[in-house]
Amino acid sequence: MTTLYGISNCDTVRKARKWLEAESIAFDFHDFRKQGLTAEQVDRWCAAAGLDKVLNKRGTTWRQLTDEIKSTTDETALKALLVEQPTLIKRPVLEMADGHIEVGFKAEQYAALWQR
């Protein structure tokens, strides 16, 4: 089953959900603010898409972190931070039944996924 990860009040997540629904694509929604995440999920996403793409350095949560945390290059510490504060993750994360992972949403990008 395809799973869309994000937070319910995120505009980009809403757009992705509407697109999937309009295309009649079955998916589960996982609100990682409410339901949390595991280190294994974050590891899988970072392995597939790269930590730089998964970690959202443009959001409010990132800007509120201390300079010491923002300057770290320790991947293990950053991944632990993503589990602890999932709003640091770029949204949405789409995990398809075949294991493919997409970070972010663009309608063209999603359309291409179902035409491959």
Protein backbone atom coordinates (compact mmCIF):
# COMPACT_ATOMS: atom_id res chain seq x y z
CA MET A 1 0.00 0.00 0.00
CA THR A 2 1.16 3.51 -0.76
CA THR A 3 1.58 5.73 2.29
CA LEU A 4 1.71 9.51 2.36
CA TYR A 5 3.56 10.91 5.37
CA GLY A 6 3.20 14.48 6.56
CA ILE A 7 1.16 16.69 8.83
CA SER A 8 -2.51 17.35 8.19
CA ASN A 9 -2.34 21.14 8.31
CA CYS A 10 0.49 21.45 5.74
CA ASP A 11 -0.67 23.02 2.46
CA THR A 12 1.66 20.89 0.34
CA VAL A 13 0.45 17.72 2.03
CA ARG A 14 -3.14 18.79 1.36
CA LYS A 15 -2.33 19.31 -2.33
CA ALA A 16 -0.73 15.85 -2.53
CA ARG A 17 -3.72 14.23 -0.83
CA LYS A 18 -6.15 15.99 -3.17
CA TRP A 19 -4.11 14.91 -6.20
CA LEU A 20 -4.02 11.27 -5.08
CA GLU A 21 -7.76 11.30 -4.36
CA ALA A 22 -8.57 12.96 -7.72
CA GLU A 23 -6.55 10.25 -9.49
CA SER A 24 -8.33 7.52 -7.47
CA ILE A 25 -5.05 6.27 -6.06
CA ALA A 26 -5.48 4.36 -2.80
CA PHE A 27 -3.16 5.49 -0.03
CA ASP A 28 -2.85 5.61 3.73
CA PHE A 29 -2.11 8.93 5.41
CA HIS A 30 0.31 8.96 8.33
CA ASP A 31 0.42 12.20 10.32
CA PHE A 32 3.90 12.05 11.76
CA ARG A 33 3.24 14.87 14.19
CA LYS A 34 0.48 12.81 15.82
CA GLN A 35 1.62 9.26 15.06
CA GLY A 36 5.38 9.76 15.23
CA LEU A 37 8.15 8.15 13.23
CA THR A 38 10.73 5.48 13.77
CA ALA A 39 14.46 5.76 13.20
CA GLU A 40 14.10 2.99 10.60
CA GLN A 41 11.64 5.08 8.55
CA VAL A 42 13.92 8.11 8.63
CA ASP A 43 16.95 5.95 7.71
CA ARG A 44 15.04 4.45 4.77
CA TRP A 45 13.98 7.88 3.47
CA CYS A 46 17.48 9.32 3.84
CA ALA A 47 19.01 6.31 2.09
CA ALA A 48 16.57 6.65 -0.80
CA ALA A 49 16.40 10.43 -1.21
CA GLY A 50 19.38 11.77 0.71
CA LEU A 51 19.49 13.55 4.06
CA ASP A 52 19.81 16.92 2.33
CA LYS A 53 16.48 16.41 0.57
CA VAL A 54 14.63 14.99 3.61
CA LEU A 55 15.80 17.67 6.05
CA ASN A 56 13.87 20.90 5.52
CA LYS A 57 16.20 23.78 6.34
CA ARG A 58 13.73 26.38 5.08
CA GLY A 59 10.98 25.83 7.66
CA THR A 60 10.13 27.51 10.92
CA THR A 61 11.22 24.52 13.02
CA TRP A 62 14.75 24.68 11.55
CA ARG A 63 15.02 28.43 12.09
CA GLN A 64 14.09 28.01 15.76
CA LEU A 65 16.96 25.59 16.44
CA THR A 66 20.15 26.77 18.09
CA ASP A 67 23.10 27.67 15.87
CA GLU A 68 25.01 24.79 17.44
CA ILE A 69 22.43 22.26 16.26
CA LYS A 70 22.12 23.86 12.83
CA SER A 71 25.87 23.70 12.29
CA THR A 72 26.19 19.97 13.01
CA THR A 73 27.26 17.69 10.17
CA ASP A 74 26.79 14.47 12.14
CA GLU A 75 24.26 12.50 10.07
CA THR A 76 23.34 10.24 12.98
CA ALA A 77 22.52 13.24 15.17
CA LEU A 78 20.53 14.89 12.38
CA LYS A 79 18.51 11.72 11.74
CA ALA A 80 17.78 11.44 15.47
CA LEU A 81 16.63 15.07 15.38
CA LEU A 82 14.23 14.23 12.53
CA VAL A 83 12.68 11.45 14.60
CA GLU A 84 12.43 13.74 17.63
CA GLN A 85 11.08 16.72 15.67
CA PRO A 86 9.38 15.35 12.54
CA THR A 87 8.29 18.81 11.38
CA LEU A 88 11.92 19.19 10.25
CA ILE A 89 11.13 16.75 7.44
CA LYS A 90 10.30 18.15 4.02
CA ARG A 91 6.71 17.26 3.29
CA PRO A 92 5.12 15.15 2.09
CA VAL A 93 7.03 11.90 1.94
CA LEU A 94 5.41 9.37 -0.37
CA GLU A 95 6.37 5.74 0.19
CA MET A 96 5.04 3.54 -2.56
CA ALA A 97 4.18 -0.15 -2.26
CA ASP A 98 7.26 -1.06 -4.34
CA GLY A 99 9.52 0.79 -1.89
CA HIS A 100 10.05 3.89 -4.06
CA ILE A 101 10.24 7.12 -2.03
CA GLU A 102 9.46 10.65 -3.16
CA VAL A 103 10.01 13.75 -1.03
CA GLY A 104 7.95 16.86 -1.73
CA PHE A 105 5.04 17.25 -4.12
CA LYS A 106 4.63 18.37 -7.70
CA ALA A 107 1.67 17.10 -9.71
CA GLU A 108 3.89 16.30 -12.72
CA GLN A 109 6.28 14.36 -10.52
CA TYR A 110 3.46 12.25 -9.06
CA ALA A 111 1.87 11.69 -12.48
CA ALA A 112 5.19 10.35 -13.78
CA LEU A 113 5.38 7.90 -10.88
CA TRP A 114 2.17 6.17 -11.91
CA GLN A 115 3.13 6.08 -15.58
CA ARG A 116 6.43 4.27 -15.11
